[in-house]
Amino acid sequence: MIQKNLVLTQKQSKSIVFDVFYNKTEKQKPLVIFCHGYKGFKDWGSWDLVAEAFKEANLFFVKFNFSHNGGNIENPIDFPDLEAFAENNYTKELNDLDSVINYFLMENNNFSAEIDFNNITVIGHSRGGGIAILRASEDSRVKRLITWASVCDFAKRTATIGDLEEWKKDGVKFVLNGRTKQQMPHNYQFHENFITNQSRLDIEYSAKKLSIPFLIIHAKEDPSVKYNEAENLHLWNKNSLLLPVENSDHVFNAKHPWLEKEIPLALDTVVKNSIKFILSH
């Protein structure tokens, strides 16, 4: 079963668009929820092929767009809604992930017969890795955590910092999307939200708190989020497992669009090790 572009309505925020991949069986399956990264979306590159691999391992795989990632219900790919993107922030993404978990754990949702409510893994890529760490540290329902090329510190990200005086004066700053050539707006509220919630958004503190199985996967030559960020996460959580990936980049040699029928070798390594970790922990 593959169902794409389903809609989860939120009372206090924009709707979340999500996909589900699973084999319909009588046996309840571990739930795996995937969080995309900065300037990312659920349909990026080879994420569909990744989802199919988890499905074939008899896992219930969910991928979704954060509510303010710049996509919308009509077009969840790329960034037709830059006004929403400008109003995104870390706490919105944390709340979105909470909403997704809540939905799939409701007794009367469309998929409750398929899901083992006590077997939840959250996977996050890049910025989504940071969100996944924070959520897992404060949500006992999450039983396993996997990060792919995760950041280790939101305070140092370019979306958070910069020329604060000019940003505050103008109310907005722009970051070029090299692929789409869009100037992606960040309203000053992003920085204000981070400062207000700085203690909650402390990835180091959250990583140290974790007591669940934690797998950290990162490319040694990642040009976007350096490998030392993975080493920091591993240092902060003594029970974590660190898996370096050789000859790869920030997206494990995938790209958008991905027109091949198979995922790249590096990403295949990531996926297979993630599935093995879920099934063995």
Protein backbone atom coordinates (compact mmCIF):
# COMPACT_ATOMS: atom_id res chain seq x y z
CA MET A 1 0.00 0.00 0.00
CA ILE A 2 1.29 3.43 -1.00
CA GLN A 3 -0.88 6.46 -0.28
CA LYS A 4 0.49 9.87 -1.14
CA ASN A 5 -0.51 13.45 -0.38
CA LEU A 6 -2.82 12.69 2.51
CA VAL A 7 -3.69 15.71 4.63
CA LEU A 8 -3.47 16.11 8.39
CA THR A 9 -5.36 19.22 9.53
CA GLN A 10 -3.99 21.17 12.49
CA LYS A 11 -6.09 23.58 14.53
CA GLN A 12 -3.23 25.90 15.46
CA SER A 13 -1.15 25.71 12.28
CA LYS A 14 -1.18 24.95 8.57
CA SER A 15 -2.02 21.46 7.37
CA ILE A 16 0.59 18.72 7.03
CA VAL A 17 0.81 16.70 3.81
CA PHE A 18 2.07 13.14 4.28
CA ASP A 19 2.65 9.78 2.56
CA VAL A 20 2.38 6.26 3.93
CA PHE A 21 4.16 3.14 2.65
CA TYR A 22 3.32 -0.29 4.10
CA ASN A 23 2.43 -3.87 3.32
CA LYS A 24 -1.12 -4.65 4.39
CA THR A 25 -0.89 -7.64 6.71
CA GLU A 26 -2.57 -8.93 9.85
CA LYS A 27 0.57 -8.29 11.86
CA GLN A 28 1.09 -4.83 13.34
CA LYS A 29 4.28 -3.16 12.14
CA PRO A 30 6.86 -0.83 13.66
CA LEU A 31 6.08 2.80 12.80
CA VAL A 32 8.90 4.78 11.18
CA ILE A 33 8.47 8.55 10.76
CA PHE A 34 10.88 10.46 8.51
CA CYS A 35 11.62 14.19 8.89
CA HIS A 36 13.11 16.08 5.93
CA GLY A 37 15.70 18.81 6.28
CA TYR A 38 16.08 22.53 5.57
CA LYS A 39 14.81 23.49 2.12
CA GLY A 40 13.61 19.89 1.84
CA PHE A 41 10.32 18.12 1.23
CA LYS A 42 8.90 14.61 1.42
CA ASP A 43 9.11 14.00 -2.35
CA TRP A 44 12.69 15.18 -2.75
CA GLY A 45 15.02 13.06 -4.85
CA SER A 46 14.88 9.36 -4.03
CA TRP A 47 12.85 9.55 -0.81
CA ASP A 48 10.05 7.52 -2.46
CA LEU A 49 12.50 4.71 -3.22
CA VAL A 50 13.78 4.92 0.35
CA ALA A 51 10.20 4.62 1.61
CA GLU A 52 9.62 1.55 -0.56
CA ALA A 53 12.70 -0.13 0.92
CA PHE A 54 11.30 0.32 4.43
CA LYS A 55 7.93 -0.98 3.25
CA GLU A 56 9.57 -4.08 1.81
CA ALA A 57 11.14 -4.70 5.24
CA ASN A 58 7.57 -4.80 6.66
CA LEU A 59 7.85 -1.45 8.38
CA PHE A 60 5.13 1.21 8.31
CA PHE A 61 6.93 4.22 6.82
CA VAL A 62 5.63 7.78 6.99
CA LYS A 63 7.19 10.84 5.39
CA PHE A 64 5.67 14.30 5.59
CA ASN A 65 6.16 17.95 4.79
CA PHE A 66 6.60 20.25 7.74
CA SER A 67 3.61 22.58 7.71
CA HIS A 68 5.67 25.68 6.86
CA ASN A 69 8.30 24.13 4.61
CA GLY A 70 7.10 26.19 1.63
CA GLY A 71 4.96 23.55 -0.06
CA ASN A 72 1.18 23.38 0.07
CA ILE A 73 -1.59 20.82 -0.30
CA GLU A 74 -2.02 21.44 -4.02
CA ASN A 75 1.73 21.36 -4.71
CA PRO A 76 3.79 19.64 -1.99
CA ILE A 77 6.92 19.62 -4.18
CA ASP A 78 9.31 22.59 -4.06
CA PHE A 79 8.26 25.95 -2.62
CA PRO A 80 5.12 27.60 -4.02
CA ASP A 81 4.30 29.17 -0.63
CA LEU A 82 7.26 31.33 0.36
CA GLU A 83 5.09 33.29 2.80
CA ALA A 84 4.69 30.12 4.85
CA PHE A 85 8.41 29.37 4.53
CA ALA A 86 9.17 32.82 5.95
CA GLU A 87 7.08 32.03 9.01
CA ASN A 88 8.66 28.66 9.72
CA ASN A 89 10.74 28.04 12.85
CA TYR A 90 12.10 25.18 14.94
CA THR A 91 9.22 25.02 17.41
CA LYS A 92 6.69 24.80 14.57
CA GLU A 93 8.60 21.79 13.25
CA LEU A 94 8.70 20.20 16.71
CA ASN A 95 4.96 20.69 17.02
CA ASP A 96 4.39 19.28 13.53
CA LEU A 97 6.28 16.10 14.42
CA ASP A 98 4.21 15.83 17.60
CA SER A 99 1.03 16.15 15.53
CA VAL A 100 2.15 13.38 13.18
CA ILE A 101 2.96 11.05 16.08
CA ASN A 102 -0.37 11.88 17.73
CA TYR A 103 -2.28 11.13 14.55
CA PHE A 104 -0.76 7.71 13.99
CA LEU A 105 -1.28 6.74 17.62
CA MET A 106 -4.98 7.57 17.62
CA GLU A 107 -7.14 4.49 18.10
CA ASN A 108 -9.51 5.48 15.30
CA ASN A 109 -7.12 6.58 12.56
CA ASN A 110 -7.22 4.81 9.21
CA PHE A 111 -4.03 2.86 9.92
CA SER A 112 -4.31 1.83 13.58
CA ALA A 113 -4.77 -1.85 12.74
CA GLU A 114 -1.43 -1.82 10.90
CA ILE A 115 0.73 -0.09 13.53
CA ASP A 116 2.44 -1.31 16.69
CA PHE A 117 1.84 1.70 18.93
CA ASN A 118 4.73 0.73 21.20
CA ASN A 119 7.31 0.53 18.42
CA ILE A 120 8.06 4.00 17.04
CA THR A 121 11.25 5.12 15.33
CA VAL A 122 11.92 8.69 14.23
CA ILE A 123 14.44 9.36 11.47
CA GLY A 124 15.63 12.87 10.65
CA HIS A 125 17.85 14.15 7.84
CA SER A 126 20.01 17.27 8.30
CA ARG A 127 17.95 19.89 10.16
CA GLY A 128 15.26 17.24 10.52
CA GLY A 129 17.82 15.24 12.49
CA GLY A 130 18.04 18.02 15.04
CA ILE A 131 14.26 18.15 15.28
CA ALA A 132 14.12 14.37 15.70
CA ILE A 133 16.67 14.47 18.54
CA LEU A 134 14.73 17.18 20.38
CA ARG A 135 11.41 15.40 19.95
CA ALA A 136 12.79 12.03 21.03
CA SER A 137 14.31 13.53 24.16
CA GLU A 138 10.96 14.91 25.32
CA ASP A 139 8.60 12.22 24.01
CA SER A 140 8.65 8.80 25.70
CA ARG A 141 6.57 7.32 22.87
CA VAL A 142 9.64 7.41 20.61
CA LYS A 143 11.54 4.15 21.17
CA ARG A 144 14.37 4.54 18.62
CA LEU A 145 16.14 7.44 16.98
CA ILE A 146 18.13 7.55 13.73
CA THR A 147 19.80 10.62 12.27
CA TRP A 148 21.12 11.01 8.74
CA ALA A 149 23.66 13.83 8.29
CA SER A 150 22.19 15.63 11.29
CA VAL A 151 23.14 19.03 12.62
CA CYS A 152 24.28 19.16 16.24
CA ASP A 153 23.68 22.83 17.06
CA PHE A 154 20.85 25.09 15.90
CA ALA A 155 22.56 28.19 17.33
CA LYS A 156 25.28 28.05 14.64
CA ARG A 157 23.03 27.56 11.60
CA THR A 158 22.93 30.30 8.98
CA ALA A 159 19.13 30.38 9.19
CA THR A 160 19.40 31.32 12.87
CA ILE A 161 22.22 33.86 12.87
CA GLY A 162 23.72 36.47 10.52
CA ASP A 163 23.62 40.27 10.64
CA LEU A 164 21.03 40.51 13.38
CA GLU A 165 20.73 44.30 13.33
CA GLU A 166 20.04 44.39 9.61
CA TRP A 167 17.72 41.38 9.86
CA LYS A 168 15.73 43.02 12.65
CA LYS A 169 15.60 46.34 10.79
CA ASP A 170 14.43 44.80 7.51
CA GLY A 171 12.22 42.19 9.16
CA VAL A 172 13.34 39.56 6.64
CA LYS A 173 16.49 38.10 5.12
CA PHE A 174 16.86 35.90 2.06
CA VAL A 175 18.81 32.73 1.32
CA LEU A 176 19.29 31.63 -2.28
CA ASN A 177 18.07 28.16 -3.22
CA GLY A 178 20.76 27.07 -5.63
CA ARG A 179 18.52 24.54 -7.40
CA THR A 180 15.28 26.49 -7.81
CA LYS A 181 16.98 29.93 -7.86
CA GLN A 182 14.35 31.22 -5.44
CA GLN A 183 15.25 33.74 -2.80
CA MET A 184 13.95 31.97 0.30
CA PRO A 185 12.71 34.43 2.95
CA HIS A 186 13.31 34.12 6.68
CA ASN A 187 11.30 36.55 8.77
CA TYR A 188 13.00 37.89 11.90
CA GLN A 189 10.56 35.88 13.98
CA PHE A 190 12.81 32.86 13.25
CA HIS A 191 15.59 34.34 15.36
CA GLU A 192 13.19 35.58 18.03
CA ASN A 193 11.61 32.14 18.29
CA PHE A 194 15.02 30.54 18.70
CA ILE A 195 16.07 32.93 21.46
CA THR A 196 12.76 32.51 23.30
CA ASN A 197 13.01 28.71 23.15
CA GLN A 198 16.79 28.34 23.32
CA SER A 199 16.83 25.91 26.23
CA ARG A 200 14.28 23.62 24.58
CA LEU A 201 16.21 23.78 21.29
CA ASP A 202 19.53 22.72 22.84
CA ILE A 203 20.49 19.61 20.84
CA GLU A 204 23.50 18.82 23.04
CA TYR A 205 21.36 18.75 26.18
CA SER A 206 18.73 16.64 24.44
CA ALA A 207 21.27 14.16 23.07
CA LYS A 208 22.75 13.68 26.54
CA LYS A 209 19.27 12.98 27.94
CA LEU A 210 18.47 10.21 25.49
CA SER A 211 18.27 6.69 26.86
CA ILE A 212 16.79 5.00 23.78
CA PRO A 213 18.76 3.27 20.98
CA PHE A 214 20.32 6.01 18.84
CA LEU A 215 22.00 5.49 15.44
CA ILE A 216 24.00 8.33 13.91
CA ILE A 217 24.81 8.04 10.18
CA HIS A 218 26.95 10.68 8.49
CA ALA A 219 29.14 10.97 5.39
CA LYS A 220 32.80 11.54 6.21
CA GLU A 221 33.07 14.10 3.38
CA ASP A 222 29.73 15.85 3.95
CA PRO A 223 30.30 19.43 2.65
CA SER A 224 27.12 20.88 4.17
CA VAL A 225 27.07 19.49 7.71
CA LYS A 226 30.59 18.49 8.68
CA TYR A 227 31.32 15.01 10.04
CA ASN A 228 32.49 16.46 13.35
CA GLU A 229 28.83 17.28 14.11
CA ALA A 230 28.11 13.53 14.06
CA GLU A 231 31.15 12.98 16.28
CA ASN A 232 29.76 15.54 18.72
CA LEU A 233 26.40 13.77 18.88
CA HIS A 234 28.18 10.46 19.48
CA LEU A 235 30.33 12.04 22.20
CA TRP A 236 27.29 13.47 23.94
CA ASN A 237 25.46 10.13 23.98
CA LYS A 238 27.72 7.29 25.05
CA ASN A 239 25.16 4.63 24.11
CA SER A 240 24.78 5.86 20.53
CA LEU A 241 26.18 4.09 17.48
CA LEU A 242 28.09 6.13 14.88
CA LEU A 243 28.22 4.87 11.30
CA PRO A 244 30.50 6.82 8.93
CA VAL A 245 29.74 6.63 5.21
CA GLU A 246 32.68 6.88 2.79
CA ASN A 247 32.72 8.53 -0.66
CA SER A 248 29.45 10.35 -0.13
CA ASP A 249 27.92 13.77 0.41
CA HIS A 250 25.18 15.42 2.47
CA VAL A 251 22.39 13.56 0.64
CA PHE A 252 24.32 10.30 0.23
CA ASN A 253 24.84 10.88 -3.50
CA ALA A 254 21.17 11.37 -4.31
CA LYS A 255 19.83 14.49 -6.03
CA HIS A 256 16.59 16.09 -7.13
CA PRO A 257 15.03 15.03 -9.36
CA TRP A 258 16.13 11.39 -9.08
CA LEU A 259 15.30 9.59 -12.32
CA GLU A 260 16.99 6.25 -11.64
CA LYS A 261 15.10 3.13 -10.58
CA GLU A 262 17.58 2.35 -7.80
CA ILE A 263 18.84 4.53 -4.98
CA PRO A 264 22.55 5.41 -4.98
CA LEU A 265 24.93 2.98 -3.30
CA ALA A 266 25.75 5.30 -0.37
CA LEU A 267 22.07 5.91 0.39
CA ASP A 268 21.37 2.19 0.06
CA THR A 269 23.98 1.63 2.78
CA VAL A 270 22.21 4.18 4.95
CA VAL A 271 18.80 2.59 4.40
CA LYS A 272 19.93 -1.00 4.96
CA ASN A 273 21.76 -0.13 8.17
CA SER A 274 18.78 1.86 9.42
CA ILE A 275 16.40 -1.04 8.78
CA LYS A 276 18.79 -3.46 10.46
CA PHE A 277 19.03 -1.14 13.48
CA ILE A 278 15.24 -0.91 13.80
CA LEU A 279 14.73 -4.65 13.55
CA SER A 280 17.53 -5.52 15.97
CA HIS A 281 16.89 -2.94 18.71
